[in-house]
Amino acid sequence: MGKWLALSAAVVVLDQLTKYAISASLGPRAVVEVTSFFNLVLAYNRGAAFSFLAGASGWQREFFVALALLASVWIVWLLRRYPRQTLFCTALALVLGGAIGNVIDRIILGAVVDFLDFHAFGYHWPAFNVADSAITCGAALLIWDGLRPQKTRAIEPPMNADKRR
């Protein structure tokens, strides 16, 4: 389980370092054009993905912190239960690291720092961060893991097979 927690910790460190660097370098509303489709910005998201519930009266901070902490406990339990399922655990570790990275922001700042800003073909994607990217990649890997055929370890009789005899 140590390697999975190390991956989660690496995500948290990278997330927090990049957020610190952007926060120290850019002022609010500043836009640094990196390419024709990518900017660096400094945005504070009080809601969830795509600023969901950002305009709520303030209860969402505690709600999202509690939700992330519950999810983190469940993920650690899954990592302990299935430590040899590499793709599954990699995905969970990415989600865990992302969740913790964003929880740190919510606890300290009351909002999540977002700074990666993509736009193309008239569409402007909401700003996001390293933690969001890790959560998204982890979710994609979980879907992939769920869709791929499972290896059979050994041929075992179906449950209750002896009762049918």
N, C-alpha and C. Protein backbone atom coordinates (compact mmCIF):
# COMPACT_ATOMS: atom_id res chain seq x y z
N MET A 1 0.82 -1.19 0.00
CA MET A 1 0.00 0.00 0.00
C MET A 1 0.87 1.26 0.00
N GLY A 2 2.10 1.12 0.43
CA GLY A 2 2.99 2.28 0.52
C GLY A 2 3.20 2.98 -0.81
N LYS A 3 3.34 2.20 -1.89
CA LYS A 3 3.58 2.85 -3.19
C LYS A 3 2.36 3.63 -3.66
N TRP A 4 1.17 3.17 -3.29
CA TRP A 4 -0.04 3.89 -3.69
C TRP A 4 -0.17 5.19 -2.92
N LEU A 5 0.15 5.15 -1.64
CA LEU A 5 0.12 6.38 -0.85
C LEU A 5 1.22 7.34 -1.28
N ALA A 6 2.36 6.80 -1.73
CA ALA A 6 3.43 7.65 -2.24
C ALA A 6 2.99 8.37 -3.51
N LEU A 7 2.27 7.67 -4.38
CA LEU A 7 1.73 8.31 -5.59
C LEU A 7 0.75 9.41 -5.21
N SER A 8 -0.13 9.13 -4.26
CA SER A 8 -1.07 10.15 -3.79
C SER A 8 -0.33 11.36 -3.23
N ALA A 9 0.70 11.10 -2.43
CA ALA A 9 1.49 12.19 -1.84
C ALA A 9 2.18 13.01 -2.92
N ALA A 10 2.69 12.35 -3.96
CA ALA A 10 3.33 13.07 -5.07
C ALA A 10 2.34 13.99 -5.77
N VAL A 11 1.11 13.53 -5.95
CA VAL A 11 0.07 14.37 -6.55
C VAL A 11 -0.19 15.58 -5.67
N VAL A 12 -0.31 15.36 -4.36
CA VAL A 12 -0.58 16.47 -3.43
C VAL A 12 0.56 17.49 -3.49
N VAL A 13 1.79 17.02 -3.45
CA VAL A 13 2.94 17.93 -3.47
C VAL A 13 2.98 18.73 -4.77
N LEU A 14 2.83 18.05 -5.91
CA LEU A 14 2.85 18.74 -7.20
C LEU A 14 1.70 19.75 -7.29
N ASP A 15 0.53 19.34 -6.83
CA ASP A 15 -0.63 20.22 -6.85
C ASP A 15 -0.38 21.47 -6.00
N GLN A 16 0.07 21.29 -4.79
CA GLN A 16 0.26 22.43 -3.89
C GLN A 16 1.41 23.33 -4.35
N LEU A 17 2.48 22.75 -4.90
CA LEU A 17 3.59 23.56 -5.40
C LEU A 17 3.15 24.42 -6.58
N THR A 18 2.40 23.83 -7.50
CA THR A 18 1.95 24.61 -8.67
C THR A 18 0.96 25.69 -8.25
N LYS A 19 0.08 25.39 -7.33
CA LYS A 19 -0.87 26.40 -6.85
C LYS A 19 -0.14 27.54 -6.14
N TYR A 20 0.87 27.19 -5.36
CA TYR A 20 1.66 28.22 -4.67
C TYR A 20 2.38 29.11 -5.69
N ALA A 21 3.00 28.48 -6.69
CA ALA A 21 3.74 29.24 -7.70
C ALA A 21 2.83 30.20 -8.46
N ILE A 22 1.66 29.73 -8.83
CA ILE A 22 0.71 30.58 -9.56
C ILE A 22 0.20 31.70 -8.66
N SER A 23 -0.16 31.35 -7.42
CA SER A 23 -0.68 32.35 -6.49
C SER A 23 0.35 33.44 -6.20
N ALA A 24 1.63 33.06 -6.14
CA ALA A 24 2.69 34.02 -5.86
C ALA A 24 3.04 34.85 -7.09
N SER A 25 2.75 34.33 -8.28
CA SER A 25 3.16 34.99 -9.52
C SER A 25 2.08 35.84 -10.17
N LEU A 26 0.84 35.43 -10.04
CA LEU A 26 -0.26 36.11 -10.74
C LEU A 26 -1.20 36.79 -9.77
N GLY A 27 -1.69 37.93 -10.18
CA GLY A 27 -2.72 38.59 -9.40
C GLY A 27 -4.08 38.15 -9.92
N PRO A 28 -5.12 38.45 -9.15
CA PRO A 28 -6.47 38.13 -9.61
C PRO A 28 -6.74 38.79 -10.97
N ARG A 29 -7.41 38.09 -11.82
CA ARG A 29 -7.80 38.54 -13.16
C ARG A 29 -6.63 38.63 -14.13
N ALA A 30 -5.42 38.28 -13.70
CA ALA A 30 -4.28 38.26 -14.62
C ALA A 30 -4.41 37.07 -15.55
N VAL A 31 -4.01 37.26 -16.79
CA VAL A 31 -4.04 36.18 -17.78
C VAL A 31 -2.68 36.16 -18.47
N VAL A 32 -2.02 35.01 -18.43
CA VAL A 32 -0.76 34.83 -19.13
C VAL A 32 -1.03 33.89 -20.30
N GLU A 33 -0.95 34.45 -21.52
CA GLU A 33 -1.20 33.63 -22.71
C GLU A 33 0.05 32.80 -23.00
N VAL A 34 -0.09 31.48 -22.89
CA VAL A 34 1.02 30.57 -23.13
C VAL A 34 1.01 30.13 -24.58
N THR A 35 -0.14 29.75 -25.09
CA THR A 35 -0.33 29.41 -26.50
C THR A 35 -1.65 30.03 -26.96
N SER A 36 -2.00 29.78 -28.20
CA SER A 36 -3.27 30.32 -28.72
C SER A 36 -4.48 29.64 -28.09
N PHE A 37 -4.27 28.53 -27.40
CA PHE A 37 -5.39 27.80 -26.80
C PHE A 37 -5.23 27.54 -25.30
N PHE A 38 -4.15 28.05 -24.70
CA PHE A 38 -3.87 27.78 -23.29
C PHE A 38 -3.36 29.02 -22.58
N ASN A 39 -3.98 29.34 -21.45
CA ASN A 39 -3.56 30.47 -20.60
C ASN A 39 -3.31 29.98 -19.19
N LEU A 40 -2.53 30.75 -18.47
CA LEU A 40 -2.42 30.60 -17.02
C LEU A 40 -3.22 31.74 -16.40
N VAL A 41 -4.07 31.40 -15.45
CA VAL A 41 -4.91 32.39 -14.77
C VAL A 41 -4.88 32.07 -13.28
N LEU A 42 -5.39 32.97 -12.49
CA LEU A 42 -5.56 32.70 -11.06
C LEU A 42 -7.04 32.85 -10.74
N ALA A 43 -7.66 31.73 -10.41
CA ALA A 43 -9.09 31.74 -10.10
C ALA A 43 -9.31 30.98 -8.80
N TYR A 44 -10.30 31.42 -8.04
CA TYR A 44 -10.67 30.75 -6.79
C TYR A 44 -12.07 30.18 -6.96
N ASN A 45 -12.18 28.87 -6.84
CA ASN A 45 -13.45 28.17 -7.03
C ASN A 45 -14.00 27.75 -5.67
N ARG A 46 -15.10 28.33 -5.27
CA ARG A 46 -15.73 27.98 -4.00
C ARG A 46 -16.68 26.80 -4.15
N GLY A 47 -16.93 26.39 -5.37
CA GLY A 47 -17.84 25.27 -5.62
C GLY A 47 -17.06 24.00 -5.92
N ALA A 48 -17.70 23.11 -6.65
CA ALA A 48 -17.08 21.85 -7.05
C ALA A 48 -16.68 21.97 -8.52
N ALA A 49 -16.63 20.85 -9.22
CA ALA A 49 -16.28 20.85 -10.63
C ALA A 49 -17.19 21.81 -11.39
N PHE A 50 -16.59 22.57 -12.31
CA PHE A 50 -17.31 23.55 -13.13
C PHE A 50 -18.02 24.60 -12.27
N SER A 51 -17.47 24.86 -11.09
CA SER A 51 -18.02 25.84 -10.13
C SER A 51 -19.41 25.48 -9.63
N PHE A 52 -19.75 24.20 -9.66
CA PHE A 52 -21.04 23.74 -9.15
C PHE A 52 -21.19 24.17 -7.70
N LEU A 53 -22.27 24.80 -7.35
CA LEU A 53 -22.61 25.32 -6.02
C LEU A 53 -21.71 26.46 -5.56
N ALA A 54 -20.99 27.08 -6.48
CA ALA A 54 -20.09 28.18 -6.08
C ALA A 54 -20.86 29.36 -5.50
N GLY A 55 -22.10 29.53 -5.92
CA GLY A 55 -22.88 30.66 -5.44
C GLY A 55 -23.70 30.35 -4.20
N ALA A 56 -23.53 29.17 -3.62
CA ALA A 56 -24.30 28.81 -2.42
C ALA A 56 -23.85 29.67 -1.24
N SER A 57 -24.59 29.61 -0.18
CA SER A 57 -24.40 30.53 0.95
C SER A 57 -23.21 30.23 1.86
N GLY A 58 -22.39 29.27 1.57
CA GLY A 58 -21.21 29.00 2.39
C GLY A 58 -21.16 27.60 2.97
N TRP A 59 -22.27 26.91 3.02
CA TRP A 59 -22.31 25.55 3.57
C TRP A 59 -21.52 24.57 2.72
N GLN A 60 -21.30 24.91 1.44
CA GLN A 60 -20.66 23.97 0.52
C GLN A 60 -19.21 23.67 0.91
N ARG A 61 -18.54 24.60 1.58
CA ARG A 61 -17.15 24.36 1.99
C ARG A 61 -17.07 23.14 2.90
N GLU A 62 -17.85 23.15 3.97
CA GLU A 62 -17.85 22.02 4.90
C GLU A 62 -18.35 20.75 4.24
N PHE A 63 -19.34 20.89 3.37
CA PHE A 63 -19.89 19.72 2.67
C PHE A 63 -18.83 19.06 1.81
N PHE A 64 -18.10 19.85 1.00
CA PHE A 64 -17.09 19.28 0.10
C PHE A 64 -15.90 18.73 0.88
N VAL A 65 -15.53 19.36 1.97
CA VAL A 65 -14.45 18.83 2.82
C VAL A 65 -14.87 17.49 3.40
N ALA A 66 -16.08 17.43 3.96
CA ALA A 66 -16.56 16.17 4.55
C ALA A 66 -16.67 15.08 3.50
N LEU A 67 -17.19 15.42 2.33
CA LEU A 67 -17.33 14.44 1.25
C LEU A 67 -15.96 13.91 0.82
N ALA A 68 -14.99 14.80 0.66
CA ALA A 68 -13.65 14.38 0.26
C ALA A 68 -12.99 13.52 1.33
N LEU A 69 -13.19 13.86 2.60
CA LEU A 69 -12.60 13.06 3.67
C LEU A 69 -13.23 11.67 3.74
N LEU A 70 -14.54 11.59 3.57
CA LEU A 70 -15.21 10.27 3.54
C LEU A 70 -14.71 9.45 2.35
N ALA A 71 -14.61 10.08 1.19
CA ALA A 71 -14.12 9.38 0.00
C ALA A 71 -12.68 8.91 0.22
N SER A 72 -11.87 9.73 0.89
CA SER A 72 -10.48 9.36 1.15
C SER A 72 -10.37 8.14 2.05
N VAL A 73 -11.20 8.08 3.08
CA VAL A 73 -11.21 6.90 3.96
C VAL A 73 -11.60 5.66 3.17
N TRP A 74 -12.61 5.78 2.34
CA TRP A 74 -13.07 4.65 1.53
C TRP A 74 -11.98 4.21 0.55
N ILE A 75 -11.29 5.18 -0.07
CA ILE A 75 -10.23 4.86 -1.02
C ILE A 75 -9.08 4.14 -0.32
N VAL A 76 -8.68 4.61 0.86
CA VAL A 76 -7.61 3.93 1.60
C VAL A 76 -8.03 2.50 1.93
N TRP A 77 -9.28 2.29 2.31
CA TRP A 77 -9.78 0.94 2.58
C TRP A 77 -9.67 0.08 1.32
N LEU A 78 -10.05 0.63 0.16
CA LEU A 78 -9.95 -0.12 -1.09
C LEU A 78 -8.50 -0.43 -1.45
N LEU A 79 -7.60 0.52 -1.21
CA LEU A 79 -6.18 0.29 -1.49
C LEU A 79 -5.63 -0.84 -0.62
N ARG A 80 -6.07 -0.91 0.62
CA ARG A 80 -5.63 -1.99 1.51
C ARG A 80 -6.23 -3.32 1.08
N ARG A 81 -7.45 -3.30 0.60
CA ARG A 81 -8.16 -4.53 0.25
C ARG A 81 -7.67 -5.13 -1.07
N TYR A 82 -7.29 -4.30 -2.03
CA TYR A 82 -6.92 -4.78 -3.36
C TYR A 82 -5.53 -4.28 -3.78
N PRO A 83 -4.50 -4.50 -2.98
CA PRO A 83 -3.19 -3.90 -3.26
C PRO A 83 -2.50 -4.42 -4.52
N ARG A 84 -2.91 -5.57 -5.03
CA ARG A 84 -2.24 -6.15 -6.19
C ARG A 84 -2.92 -5.80 -7.52
N GLN A 85 -4.01 -5.09 -7.45
CA GLN A 85 -4.70 -4.67 -8.68
C GLN A 85 -4.12 -3.32 -9.11
N THR A 86 -3.06 -3.41 -9.91
CA THR A 86 -2.24 -2.25 -10.23
C THR A 86 -3.01 -1.09 -10.85
N LEU A 87 -3.76 -1.34 -11.90
CA LEU A 87 -4.48 -0.25 -12.56
C LEU A 87 -5.53 0.36 -11.64
N PHE A 88 -6.26 -0.49 -10.95
CA PHE A 88 -7.29 -0.04 -10.00
C PHE A 88 -6.68 0.84 -8.91
N CYS A 89 -5.58 0.38 -8.33
CA CYS A 89 -4.94 1.13 -7.24
C CYS A 89 -4.27 2.41 -7.74
N THR A 90 -3.71 2.38 -8.95
CA THR A 90 -3.15 3.61 -9.53
C THR A 90 -4.24 4.65 -9.67
N ALA A 91 -5.38 4.23 -10.19
CA ALA A 91 -6.52 5.14 -10.36
C ALA A 91 -6.97 5.71 -9.02
N LEU A 92 -7.12 4.83 -8.04
CA LEU A 92 -7.56 5.29 -6.72
C LEU A 92 -6.55 6.25 -6.09
N ALA A 93 -5.26 5.96 -6.26
CA ALA A 93 -4.22 6.82 -5.70
C ALA A 93 -4.26 8.22 -6.33
N LEU A 94 -4.52 8.29 -7.63
CA LEU A 94 -4.64 9.59 -8.29
C LEU A 94 -5.85 10.37 -7.76
N VAL A 95 -6.97 9.68 -7.62
CA VAL A 95 -8.17 10.33 -7.08
C VAL A 95 -7.92 10.80 -5.65
N LEU A 96 -7.29 9.96 -4.85
CA LEU A 96 -7.00 10.31 -3.45
C LEU A 96 -6.10 11.55 -3.38
N GLY A 97 -5.02 11.55 -4.15
CA GLY A 97 -4.12 12.70 -4.14
C GLY A 97 -4.81 13.98 -4.58
N GLY A 98 -5.65 13.88 -5.60
CA GLY A 98 -6.39 15.05 -6.06
C GLY A 98 -7.38 15.55 -5.03
N ALA A 99 -8.08 14.62 -4.40
CA ALA A 99 -9.06 15.00 -3.38
C ALA A 99 -8.37 15.71 -2.21
N ILE A 100 -7.25 15.16 -1.77
CA ILE A 100 -6.52 15.77 -0.65
C ILE A 100 -5.98 17.15 -1.05
N GLY A 101 -5.44 17.26 -2.26
CA GLY A 101 -4.93 18.55 -2.73
C GLY A 101 -5.99 19.63 -2.70
N ASN A 102 -7.18 19.30 -3.16
CA ASN A 102 -8.26 20.30 -3.16
C ASN A 102 -8.82 20.55 -1.76
N VAL A 103 -8.82 19.52 -0.91
CA VAL A 103 -9.28 19.71 0.48
C VAL A 103 -8.36 20.67 1.22
N ILE A 104 -7.07 20.56 0.98
CA ILE A 104 -6.12 21.48 1.63
C ILE A 104 -6.51 22.93 1.29
N ASP A 105 -6.78 23.19 0.01
CA ASP A 105 -7.20 24.54 -0.39
C ASP A 105 -8.48 24.96 0.30
N ARG A 106 -9.46 24.07 0.33
CA ARG A 106 -10.76 24.42 0.92
C ARG A 106 -10.61 24.75 2.41
N ILE A 107 -9.78 23.98 3.11
CA ILE A 107 -9.59 24.22 4.54
C ILE A 107 -8.84 25.53 4.78
N ILE A 108 -7.76 25.74 4.03
CA ILE A 108 -6.91 26.92 4.26
C ILE A 108 -7.49 28.19 3.65
N LEU A 109 -7.99 28.10 2.41
CA LEU A 109 -8.42 29.29 1.67
C LEU A 109 -9.93 29.45 1.58
N GLY A 110 -10.66 28.39 1.85
CA GLY A 110 -12.11 28.44 1.67
C GLY A 110 -12.52 28.27 0.22
N ALA A 111 -11.57 28.03 -0.66
CA ALA A 111 -11.82 27.85 -2.09
C ALA A 111 -10.65 27.08 -2.68
N VAL A 112 -10.84 26.56 -3.87
CA VAL A 112 -9.79 25.82 -4.57
C VAL A 112 -9.13 26.74 -5.59
N VAL A 113 -7.81 26.73 -5.63
CA VAL A 113 -7.07 27.53 -6.61
C VAL A 113 -7.06 26.78 -7.94
N ASP A 114 -7.55 27.44 -8.98
CA ASP A 114 -7.52 26.90 -10.35
C ASP A 114 -6.66 27.82 -11.19
N PHE A 115 -5.94 27.24 -12.17
CA PHE A 115 -5.05 28.10 -12.97
C PHE A 115 -4.82 27.63 -14.39
N LEU A 116 -5.19 26.42 -14.73
CA LEU A 116 -5.01 25.92 -16.10
C LEU A 116 -6.27 26.27 -16.89
N ASP A 117 -6.09 27.05 -17.96
CA ASP A 117 -7.23 27.62 -18.69
C ASP A 117 -7.09 27.30 -20.18
N PHE A 118 -7.91 26.36 -20.66
CA PHE A 118 -7.88 25.96 -22.06
C PHE A 118 -9.10 26.49 -22.81
N HIS A 119 -8.88 26.85 -24.06
CA HIS A 119 -9.97 27.32 -24.92
C HIS A 119 -9.61 27.01 -26.37
N ALA A 120 -10.60 26.58 -27.14
CA ALA A 120 -10.37 26.29 -28.56
C ALA A 120 -11.71 26.21 -29.28
N PHE A 121 -11.70 26.60 -30.54
CA PHE A 121 -12.87 26.48 -31.41
C PHE A 121 -14.12 27.12 -30.79
N GLY A 122 -13.93 28.25 -30.12
CA GLY A 122 -15.05 28.96 -29.52
C GLY A 122 -15.53 28.39 -28.19
N TYR A 123 -14.88 27.36 -27.70
CA TYR A 123 -15.26 26.77 -26.42
C TYR A 123 -14.20 27.10 -25.38
N HIS A 124 -14.64 27.51 -24.21
CA HIS A 124 -13.72 27.85 -23.12
C HIS A 124 -13.97 26.89 -21.96
N TRP A 125 -13.02 26.01 -21.73
CA TRP A 125 -13.13 25.04 -20.64
C TRP A 125 -12.93 25.75 -19.31
N PRO A 126 -13.68 25.42 -18.27
CA PRO A 126 -13.45 26.06 -16.96
C PRO A 126 -12.03 25.79 -16.45
N ALA A 127 -11.45 26.78 -15.80
CA ALA A 127 -10.10 26.63 -15.26
C ALA A 127 -10.06 25.48 -14.27
N PHE A 128 -8.91 24.80 -14.22
CA PHE A 128 -8.75 23.67 -13.31
C PHE A 128 -7.31 23.62 -12.82
N ASN A 129 -6.93 22.58 -12.09
CA ASN A 129 -5.60 22.49 -11.48
C ASN A 129 -5.07 21.07 -11.58
N VAL A 130 -3.90 20.84 -11.01
CA VAL A 130 -3.27 19.51 -11.03
C VAL A 130 -4.13 18.48 -10.31
N ALA A 131 -4.71 18.86 -9.18
CA ALA A 131 -5.57 17.93 -8.42
C ALA A 131 -6.76 17.50 -9.26
N ASP A 132 -7.39 18.46 -9.94
CA ASP A 132 -8.52 18.13 -10.81
C ASP A 132 -8.09 17.17 -11.92
N SER A 133 -6.90 17.42 -12.48
CA SER A 133 -6.38 16.55 -13.54
C SER A 133 -6.16 15.13 -13.02
N ALA A 134 -5.61 15.02 -11.82
CA ALA A 134 -5.37 13.70 -11.22
C ALA A 134 -6.69 12.97 -10.98
N ILE A 135 -7.69 13.69 -10.49
CA ILE A 135 -9.00 13.08 -10.25
C ILE A 135 -9.60 12.61 -11.57
N THR A 136 -9.51 13.43 -12.61
CA THR A 136 -10.06 13.07 -13.92
C THR A 136 -9.33 11.87 -14.51
N CYS A 137 -8.00 11.87 -14.45
CA CYS A 137 -7.23 10.73 -14.95
C CYS A 137 -7.55 9.47 -14.15
N GLY A 138 -7.65 9.61 -12.84
CA GLY A 138 -8.01 8.46 -12.00
C GLY A 138 -9.38 7.92 -12.34
N ALA A 139 -10.34 8.80 -12.56
CA ALA A 139 -11.69 8.36 -12.93
C ALA A 139 -11.68 7.64 -14.28
N ALA A 140 -10.92 8.17 -15.24
CA ALA A 140 -10.81 7.52 -16.55
C ALA A 140 -10.18 6.13 -16.42
N LEU A 141 -9.14 6.02 -15.59
CA LEU A 141 -8.51 4.71 -15.37
C LEU A 141 -9.46 3.74 -14.67
N LEU A 142 -10.29 4.24 -13.76
CA LEU A 142 -11.29 3.37 -13.11
C LEU A 142 -12.29 2.84 -14.13
N ILE A 143 -12.71 3.69 -15.05
CA ILE A 143 -13.63 3.24 -16.10
C ILE A 143 -12.95 2.21 -16.97
N TRP A 144 -11.72 2.49 -17.38
CA TRP A 144 -10.97 1.54 -18.21
C TRP A 144 -10.80 0.21 -17.48
N ASP A 145 -10.44 0.28 -16.21
CA ASP A 145 -10.26 -0.94 -15.42
C ASP A 145 -11.56 -1.73 -15.33
N GLY A 146 -12.67 -1.04 -15.21
CA GLY A 146 -13.96 -1.72 -15.12
C GLY A 146 -14.41 -2.34 -16.43
N LEU A 147 -13.95 -1.79 -17.55
CA LEU A 147 -14.38 -2.28 -18.86
C LEU A 147 -13.50 -3.40 -19.41
N ARG A 148 -12.27 -3.49 -18.95
CA ARG A 148 -11.38 -4.52 -19.52
C ARG A 148 -11.70 -5.89 -18.94
N PRO A 149 -11.44 -6.93 -19.72
CA PRO A 149 -11.73 -8.28 -19.22
C PRO A 149 -10.87 -8.61 -18.00
N GLN A 150 -11.47 -9.27 -17.05
CA GLN A 150 -10.75 -9.64 -15.83
C GLN A 150 -10.06 -10.98 -16.02
N LYS A 151 -8.85 -11.09 -15.51
CA LYS A 151 -8.12 -12.36 -15.54
C LYS A 151 -8.71 -13.28 -14.49
N THR A 152 -8.85 -14.54 -14.84
CA THR A 152 -9.32 -15.50 -13.84
C THR A 152 -8.10 -16.10 -13.16
N ARG A 153 -8.08 -16.07 -11.86
CA ARG A 153 -6.93 -16.57 -11.11
C ARG A 153 -6.93 -18.09 -11.03
N ALA A 154 -8.06 -18.65 -10.79
CA ALA A 154 -8.19 -20.10 -10.69
C ALA A 154 -9.65 -20.44 -10.95
N ILE A 155 -9.86 -21.61 -11.46
CA ILE A 155 -11.24 -22.01 -11.70
C ILE A 155 -11.82 -22.46 -10.37
N GLU A 156 -12.84 -21.75 -9.94
CA GLU A 156 -13.51 -22.07 -8.69
C GLU A 156 -14.95 -22.40 -8.99
N PRO A 157 -15.53 -23.31 -8.23
CA PRO A 157 -16.95 -23.60 -8.46
C PRO A 157 -17.78 -22.38 -8.09
N PRO A 158 -18.92 -22.21 -8.75
CA PRO A 158 -19.78 -21.08 -8.40
C PRO A 158 -20.22 -21.19 -6.95
N MET A 159 -20.54 -20.04 -6.37
CA MET A 159 -21.02 -20.04 -4.99
C MET A 159 -22.24 -20.93 -4.89
N ASN A 160 -22.34 -21.68 -3.82
CA ASN A 160 -23.47 -22.58 -3.56
C ASN A 160 -23.56 -23.74 -4.55
N ALA A 161 -22.47 -24.03 -5.28
CA ALA A 161 -22.50 -25.12 -6.25
C ALA A 161 -22.74 -26.46 -5.57
N ASP A 162 -22.19 -26.65 -4.37
CA ASP A 162 -22.37 -27.93 -3.69
C ASP A 162 -23.80 -28.13 -3.20
N LYS A 163 -24.56 -27.08 -3.05
CA LYS A 163 -25.94 -27.21 -2.58
C LYS A 163 -26.86 -27.71 -3.69
N ARG A 164 -26.42 -27.56 -4.94
CA ARG A 164 -27.26 -28.00 -6.06
C ARG A 164 -27.18 -29.50 -6.27
N ARG A 165 -26.22 -30.16 -5.67
CA ARG A 165 -26.03 -31.60 -5.90
C ARG A 165 -26.95 -32.42 -5.12
